[in-house]
Amino acid sequence: MFDQFVKDVSGEQIYLIFSLWIFLVFFIVVSFLLYITKKQHVDRMSDLPLDDGTTDSNQPLIS
């Protein structure tokens, strides 16, 4: 099925296929990184905008 699209590709359409592959690779890499990211790291990063610089005894200083 994919061969039908590839054999009729002209010069301009190669950019469309190339951009689709870039998007798919980027999406897969980001999905993989989100899957392996630890929940503690996500929680720490989500609290950063609200952090006023004081330390909390429940959170370690180095994660």
Protein backbone atom coordinates (compact mmCIF):
# COMPACT_ATOMS: atom_id res chain seq x y z
CA MET A 1 0.00 0.00 0.00
CA PHE A 2 2.82 2.42 0.87
CA ASP A 3 4.47 1.65 -2.50
CA GLN A 4 1.57 3.32 -4.32
CA PHE A 5 2.34 6.61 -2.60
CA VAL A 6 6.10 6.41 -3.02
CA LYS A 7 6.22 5.56 -6.75
CA ASP A 8 4.12 8.61 -7.70
CA VAL A 9 6.12 11.08 -5.59
CA SER A 10 7.33 14.15 -7.43
CA GLY A 11 9.85 16.75 -6.24
CA GLU A 12 7.47 18.79 -4.10
CA GLN A 13 5.72 15.84 -2.50
CA ILE A 14 8.95 14.48 -1.07
CA TYR A 15 8.91 17.41 1.38
CA LEU A 16 5.44 16.38 2.56
CA ILE A 17 6.54 12.80 3.20
CA PHE A 18 9.75 13.97 4.88
CA SER A 19 7.84 16.32 7.20
CA LEU A 20 5.42 13.53 8.07
CA TRP A 21 8.32 11.28 9.06
CA ILE A 22 9.86 14.06 11.15
CA PHE A 23 6.55 14.55 12.96
CA LEU A 24 6.13 10.83 13.59
CA VAL A 25 9.66 10.41 14.95
CA PHE A 26 9.27 13.48 17.16
CA PHE A 27 5.90 12.24 18.47
CA ILE A 28 7.30 8.79 19.25
CA VAL A 29 10.37 10.21 21.03
CA VAL A 30 8.29 12.61 23.15
CA SER A 31 5.83 9.84 24.01
CA PHE A 32 8.70 7.58 25.07
CA LEU A 33 10.27 10.31 27.20
CA LEU A 34 6.95 11.00 28.90
CA TYR A 35 6.54 7.29 29.59
CA ILE A 36 9.94 6.93 31.27
CA THR A 37 9.81 10.21 33.23
CA LYS A 38 9.47 9.67 36.97
CA LYS A 39 6.41 11.05 38.70
CA GLN A 40 8.58 12.71 41.36
CA HIS A 41 10.33 14.75 38.66
CA VAL A 42 7.02 15.83 37.12
CA ASP A 43 5.66 16.85 40.53
CA ARG A 44 8.81 18.84 41.31
CA MET A 45 8.71 20.64 37.95
CA SER A 46 5.02 21.45 38.34
CA ASP A 47 5.68 23.05 41.73
CA LEU A 48 8.52 25.29 40.51
CA PRO A 49 6.34 28.24 39.38
CA LEU A 50 4.75 28.35 42.83
CA ASP A 51 7.97 27.86 44.77
CA ASP A 52 8.82 30.91 46.88
CA GLY A 53 12.29 29.74 47.84
CA THR A 54 11.47 28.29 51.23
CA THR A 55 12.33 24.68 51.87
CA ASP A 56 9.76 22.10 52.86
CA SER A 57 10.77 19.35 55.29
CA ASN A 58 8.87 16.74 53.22
CA GLN A 59 10.77 17.32 49.98
CA PRO A 60 14.46 16.51 49.59
CA LEU A 61 16.74 19.29 48.42
CA ILE A 62 18.43 17.08 45.83
CA SER A 63 16.34 14.72 43.75
